[in-house]
Protein backbone atom coordinates (compact mmCIF):
# COMPACT_ATOMS: atom_id res chain seq x y z
CA MET A 1 25.11 -3.80 -69.96
CA SER A 2 24.29 -0.21 -68.95
CA ASN A 3 26.70 1.97 -66.93
CA GLU A 4 24.04 1.91 -64.19
CA SER A 5 24.10 -1.90 -64.10
CA HIS A 6 27.91 -1.91 -63.87
CA ALA A 7 27.73 0.52 -60.95
CA LYS A 8 25.23 -1.63 -59.07
CA GLY A 9 27.29 -4.73 -59.67
CA ALA A 10 30.47 -2.97 -58.45
CA ALA A 11 28.63 -1.72 -55.36
CA SER A 12 27.36 -5.20 -54.67
CA ALA A 13 30.77 -6.73 -55.16
CA GLY A 14 32.40 -4.27 -52.73
CA LYS A 15 29.78 -4.64 -50.03
CA ASP A 16 31.00 -5.76 -46.60
CA PRO A 17 29.68 -9.38 -46.22
CA THR A 18 29.15 -8.89 -42.47
CA GLU A 19 26.87 -5.94 -42.86
CA ASP A 20 23.64 -7.91 -43.38
CA THR A 21 24.56 -10.23 -40.54
CA ARG A 22 25.19 -7.19 -38.27
CA ARG A 23 21.88 -5.61 -39.18
CA SER A 24 20.06 -8.85 -38.60
CA SER A 25 21.65 -9.27 -35.21
CA GLN A 26 20.83 -5.75 -34.21
CA GLY A 27 17.26 -6.36 -35.24
CA ARG A 28 17.07 -9.49 -33.08
CA GLU A 29 18.66 -7.58 -30.16
CA SER A 30 16.19 -4.80 -30.55
CA GLY A 31 13.32 -7.26 -30.50
CA THR A 32 14.77 -9.02 -27.43
CA THR A 33 15.22 -5.72 -25.57
CA GLY A 34 11.64 -4.74 -26.42
CA GLY A 35 10.43 -8.09 -25.10
CA VAL A 36 12.32 -7.69 -21.87
CA GLN A 37 10.95 -4.17 -21.47
CA SER A 38 7.39 -5.43 -21.96
CA VAL A 39 7.91 -8.07 -19.32
CA ASP A 40 9.36 -5.51 -16.92
CA ARG A 41 6.33 -3.27 -17.51
CA ALA A 42 3.86 -6.13 -17.04
CA VAL A 43 5.50 -6.97 -13.73
CA ARG A 44 5.36 -3.33 -12.63
CA VAL A 45 1.65 -3.28 -13.52
CA LEU A 46 1.07 -6.22 -11.21
CA LYS A 47 2.95 -4.49 -8.38
CA ILE A 48 0.85 -1.30 -8.90
CA LEU A 49 -2.38 -3.37 -8.70
CA ALA A 50 -1.02 -5.17 -5.65
CA ALA A 51 -1.34 -1.85 -3.84
CA GLY A 52 -4.97 -1.42 -4.93
CA ASP A 53 -7.24 -1.08 -7.93
CA ALA A 54 -6.10 1.45 -10.58
CA GLY A 55 -7.36 2.83 -13.86
CA VAL A 56 -5.54 2.95 -17.20
CA THR A 57 -4.51 6.56 -16.69
CA GLU A 58 -3.02 5.95 -13.29
CA VAL A 59 -1.13 2.84 -14.54
CA ALA A 60 0.16 4.83 -17.49
CA GLU A 61 1.39 7.67 -15.27
CA GLN A 62 3.19 5.31 -12.87
CA LEU A 63 4.84 3.45 -15.73
CA GLY A 64 5.67 6.68 -17.61
CA VAL A 65 4.04 5.39 -20.84
CA HIS A 66 1.15 6.37 -23.11
CA LYS A 67 -2.35 5.26 -22.10
CA SER A 68 -2.56 3.05 -25.21
CA THR A 69 0.52 1.10 -24.08
CA ALA A 70 -0.88 0.75 -20.53
CA PHE A 71 -4.18 -0.51 -22.01
CA ARG A 72 -2.42 -3.13 -24.10
CA LEU A 73 -0.45 -4.35 -21.10
CA LEU A 74 -3.62 -4.60 -19.05
CA ALA A 75 -5.45 -6.38 -21.83
CA ALA A 76 -2.62 -8.97 -22.17
CA LEU A 77 -2.57 -9.58 -18.45
CA GLU A 78 -6.33 -9.88 -18.37
CA GLU A 79 -6.23 -12.50 -21.15
CA HIS A 80 -4.14 -14.64 -18.83
CA ASP A 81 -6.41 -13.98 -15.87
CA LEU A 82 -3.65 -12.03 -14.02
CA VAL A 83 -5.79 -8.93 -13.91
CA ARG A 84 -9.52 -8.37 -14.05
CA GLN A 85 -12.02 -5.59 -14.43
CA ALA A 86 -12.67 -4.05 -10.97
CA GLN A 87 -16.10 -2.97 -9.79
CA ALA A 88 -15.27 0.69 -10.36
CA ARG A 89 -15.74 1.48 -14.04
CA GLY A 90 -12.47 1.59 -15.98
CA HIS A 91 -10.44 0.25 -13.11
CA TYR A 92 -8.44 -2.94 -12.87
CA ALA A 93 -7.51 -5.33 -10.00
CA LEU A 94 -5.31 -8.39 -9.63
CA GLY A 95 -6.96 -11.45 -11.22
CA PHE A 96 -7.52 -14.85 -9.68
CA GLY A 97 -4.73 -16.27 -11.77
CA ILE A 98 -2.32 -14.55 -9.40
CA GLN A 99 -3.86 -16.47 -6.49
CA ARG A 100 -3.51 -19.73 -8.31
CA LEU A 101 0.18 -19.10 -9.08
CA ALA A 102 0.86 -17.93 -5.50
CA SER A 103 -0.80 -20.99 -4.14
CA SER A 104 1.25 -23.30 -6.18
CA VAL A 105 4.44 -21.60 -5.12
CA SER A 106 3.56 -21.34 -1.46
CA GLY A 107 2.89 -25.09 -1.32
CA GLN A 108 6.56 -25.63 -2.33
CA ILE A 109 8.06 -23.17 0.15
CA ASP A 110 9.61 -24.31 3.38
CA LEU A 111 9.73 -21.73 6.11
CA VAL A 112 12.89 -23.02 7.71
CA ARG A 113 14.72 -23.33 4.42
CA GLU A 114 13.80 -19.86 3.18
CA ALA A 115 14.65 -18.25 6.56
CA ARG A 116 18.04 -19.98 6.97
CA SER A 117 20.25 -17.67 5.03
CA PRO A 118 18.72 -14.34 6.26
CA MET A 119 18.88 -15.70 9.86
CA GLU A 120 22.57 -16.56 9.53
CA ASP A 121 23.33 -13.15 8.01
CA LEU A 122 21.51 -11.42 10.90
CA ALA A 123 23.29 -13.49 13.53
CA GLU A 124 26.68 -12.55 12.06
CA ALA A 125 25.80 -8.91 11.65
CA LEU A 126 24.62 -8.58 15.28
CA GLY A 127 26.68 -11.22 16.99
CA GLU A 128 23.56 -12.52 18.73
CA THR A 129 21.29 -15.54 18.59
CA VAL A 130 18.49 -15.53 16.04
CA ASN A 131 15.37 -17.77 16.12
CA ILE A 132 12.24 -18.20 14.05
CA ALA A 133 9.13 -19.46 15.85
CA VAL A 134 5.51 -20.38 15.05
CA LEU A 135 2.48 -20.58 17.31
CA ARG A 136 1.36 -24.09 18.14
CA GLU A 137 -1.50 -24.52 20.57
CA THR A 138 -0.46 -22.41 23.60
CA TYR A 139 3.28 -22.33 22.85
CA ALA A 140 5.71 -20.54 20.64
CA VAL A 141 7.78 -23.28 18.97
CA ASN A 142 11.30 -22.41 17.76
CA MET A 143 11.65 -23.92 14.37
CA SER A 144 15.28 -22.93 13.59
CA GLN A 145 18.18 -21.07 15.17
CA ALA A 146 21.21 -19.28 13.92
CA ILE A 147 24.23 -18.38 16.13
CA SER A 148 27.03 -16.00 15.35
CA ARG A 149 30.39 -17.70 14.84
CA SER A 150 31.81 -15.19 17.35
CA ALA A 151 29.44 -16.44 20.10
CA VAL A 152 31.25 -18.31 22.84
CA ALA A 153 28.11 -20.32 23.91
CA ALA A 154 24.41 -20.14 23.40
CA HIS A 155 21.39 -22.20 24.41
CA ASN A 156 19.94 -24.20 21.52
CA TRP A 157 16.24 -23.30 21.45
CA THR A 158 15.45 -25.32 18.30
CA GLY A 159 12.31 -27.44 18.85
CA GLU A 160 11.60 -26.11 22.29
CA LEU A 161 8.14 -25.08 23.32
CA THR A 162 8.38 -21.65 24.88
CA PRO A 163 5.69 -19.80 26.79
CA ARG A 164 3.72 -17.44 24.58
CA HIS A 165 3.47 -14.76 27.20
CA ALA A 166 7.13 -14.61 28.45
CA THR A 167 8.94 -14.56 25.09
CA ALA A 168 9.22 -11.88 22.42
CA SER A 169 8.28 -14.33 19.70
CA GLY A 170 5.27 -15.56 21.62
CA LYS A 171 3.99 -12.07 22.24
CA MET A 172 4.55 -11.14 18.64
CA LEU A 173 2.52 -14.09 17.45
CA LEU A 174 -0.32 -13.42 19.90
CA ALA A 175 -0.41 -9.79 18.87
CA ALA A 176 -0.82 -10.90 15.25
CA LEU A 177 -4.09 -12.64 16.13
CA ARG A 178 -7.35 -10.77 15.96
CA GLU A 179 -8.08 -9.29 19.41
CA GLN A 180 -11.13 -11.42 19.87
CA ASP A 181 -9.04 -14.53 19.20
CA ARG A 182 -6.44 -13.78 21.90
CA GLY A 183 -8.68 -14.56 24.88
CA PRO A 184 -7.85 -18.29 25.23
CA TYR A 185 -4.13 -17.50 25.41
CA LEU A 186 -4.43 -14.96 28.27
CA HIS A 187 -5.13 -17.47 31.02
CA ASP A 188 -2.93 -19.75 33.20
CA LEU A 189 0.05 -17.35 32.83
CA GLU A 190 2.91 -18.89 34.72
CA ALA A 191 5.60 -16.66 36.29
CA TYR A 192 9.14 -17.61 35.24
CA THR A 193 10.76 -14.53 36.81
CA PRO A 194 9.51 -11.65 38.89
CA GLN A 195 9.32 -9.71 35.57
CA THR A 196 6.90 -12.13 33.86
CA LEU A 197 3.48 -10.72 33.08
CA THR A 198 0.81 -12.85 34.69
CA ASP A 199 -2.06 -10.38 34.72
CA PRO A 200 -4.34 -11.07 31.72
CA GLN A 201 -5.48 -7.48 31.49
CA VAL A 202 -1.95 -6.12 31.49
CA LEU A 203 -0.89 -8.61 28.86
CA ALA A 204 -3.89 -7.82 26.69
CA LYS A 205 -3.00 -4.15 26.80
CA GLN A 206 0.60 -4.85 25.87
CA LEU A 207 -0.45 -7.08 22.99
CA ARG A 208 -2.53 -4.20 21.57
CA GLU A 209 0.53 -1.99 21.82
CA ILE A 210 2.65 -4.62 20.07
CA ALA A 211 0.10 -5.00 17.26
CA ALA A 212 0.10 -1.22 16.75
CA ARG A 213 3.86 -0.74 16.57
CA GLY A 214 4.77 -4.03 14.84
CA TRP A 215 7.37 -5.49 17.15
CA ALA A 216 7.70 -7.09 20.59
CA GLU A 217 10.41 -7.32 23.24
CA THR A 218 10.96 -8.97 26.60
CA HIS A 219 13.21 -7.96 29.44
CA ASP A 220 14.20 -10.70 31.94
CA GLU A 221 10.69 -12.27 31.56
CA LEU A 222 11.76 -15.82 30.72
CA GLU A 223 15.20 -15.73 32.20
CA ILE A 224 16.92 -13.09 34.29
CA GLY A 225 19.57 -11.38 32.15
CA LEU A 226 17.94 -12.40 28.81
CA HIS A 227 16.60 -9.70 26.45
CA ALA A 228 14.80 -10.39 23.11
CA VAL A 229 13.08 -8.60 20.34
CA ALA A 230 10.76 -10.15 17.70
CA VAL A 231 9.10 -8.97 14.51
CA PRO A 232 6.51 -10.68 12.22
CA VAL A 233 7.13 -12.76 9.12
CA ARG A 234 4.32 -12.74 6.65
CA ASP A 235 3.34 -15.01 3.71
CA HIS A 236 1.79 -14.27 0.27
CA THR A 237 -1.58 -13.69 1.86
CA ASP A 238 -0.17 -11.03 4.28
CA THR A 239 -0.79 -13.46 7.13
CA VAL A 240 1.73 -13.54 10.01
CA VAL A 241 3.04 -17.09 9.88
CA ALA A 242 6.12 -16.77 12.14
CA ALA A 243 8.12 -14.45 14.38
CA LEU A 244 11.76 -13.69 13.86
CA SER A 245 13.64 -12.91 17.03
CA VAL A 246 17.05 -11.80 18.24
CA SER A 247 18.09 -12.57 21.80
CA GLY A 248 21.12 -11.92 23.96
CA PRO A 249 22.37 -10.73 27.32
CA THR A 250 20.51 -7.65 28.69
CA TYR A 251 23.74 -5.67 28.91
CA ARG A 252 24.21 -5.92 25.13
CA PHE A 253 20.64 -4.62 24.41
CA GLY A 254 21.19 -1.11 25.78
CA GLU A 255 19.30 1.93 24.50
CA ASP A 256 22.22 2.90 22.34
CA ARG A 257 22.25 -0.40 20.42
CA PHE A 258 18.55 -1.36 20.47
CA PRO A 259 17.54 0.71 17.44
CA GLU A 260 20.19 -1.06 15.34
CA ILE A 261 19.07 -4.48 16.48
CA LEU A 262 15.41 -3.74 15.85
CA SER A 263 16.14 -2.20 12.38
CA GLN A 264 18.22 -5.09 11.19
CA THR A 265 15.75 -7.64 12.53
CA ILE A 266 12.90 -5.95 10.63
CA GLU A 267 14.98 -5.98 7.47
CA ALA A 268 15.79 -9.66 7.82
CA ALA A 269 12.07 -10.48 8.46
CA GLN A 270 11.16 -8.59 5.29
CA VAL A 271 13.68 -10.70 3.32
CA VAL A 272 12.13 -13.89 4.67
CA SER A 273 8.58 -12.61 3.98
CA THR A 274 9.53 -11.76 0.41
CA ARG A 275 10.86 -15.28 -0.08
CA LEU A 276 7.51 -16.59 1.22
CA GLY A 277 5.76 -14.53 -1.47
CA HIS A 278 4.79 -11.45 0.53
CA PHE A 279 4.08 -8.36 -1.64
CA GLY A 280 4.60 -5.10 0.22
CA GLY A 281 6.65 -3.12 2.64
């Protein structure tokens, strides 16, 4: 046997037996990491297109990748009907496969169940009563309620039919309707306190303001001494399906505290909306 053969044999004999295993493992890990990165990029593409049609160049720039990589991602998503060619040449939009997936998920989602944890967190953070309501006929119906553990006593609104024009939730839900659809709800407005709005024109104007700013509030309109604020909850179609509200004694809703209450209520509603499949801010 040649000296070269002896050298090769010696090198092979002295080789660390774990080296091949380590290299193989590293190769698998690299492949796994690459797969996760591809999934991450694909999801980011869908989020980009959720904001509006986009071309390959724009997608590549937002992902920070080469155009060829963006094109391959779009092609793979298109093959699964998750994106499609938009009307504008070279642009892409979300595909109808997204709608099918969203519809299958939304059918399994329960509003009360998905809202429960965010409502409890909000009630504890603010020390107030939190409700989620939906519009049924001419009433705002409270579907669920969360009360802070520090609360001494609170009225249980769950299941109650509350007037749409005298509650923050009711006003928020009315404001979410198209203006031409609000008319039937602006009549027969009963006064519950001297502060209740009973003039249809005044209420219509207030609803336009609520729709513009994105939240509603009431001061002593259902009960004297009761203050409430409500914000919208949206589903995967961007439709307002409920109103999340926080209520408490008027003296605890002063100007110094109101911004905090509103901000945290909006954040909680966004969490619920995300759980219902809503895409967006």
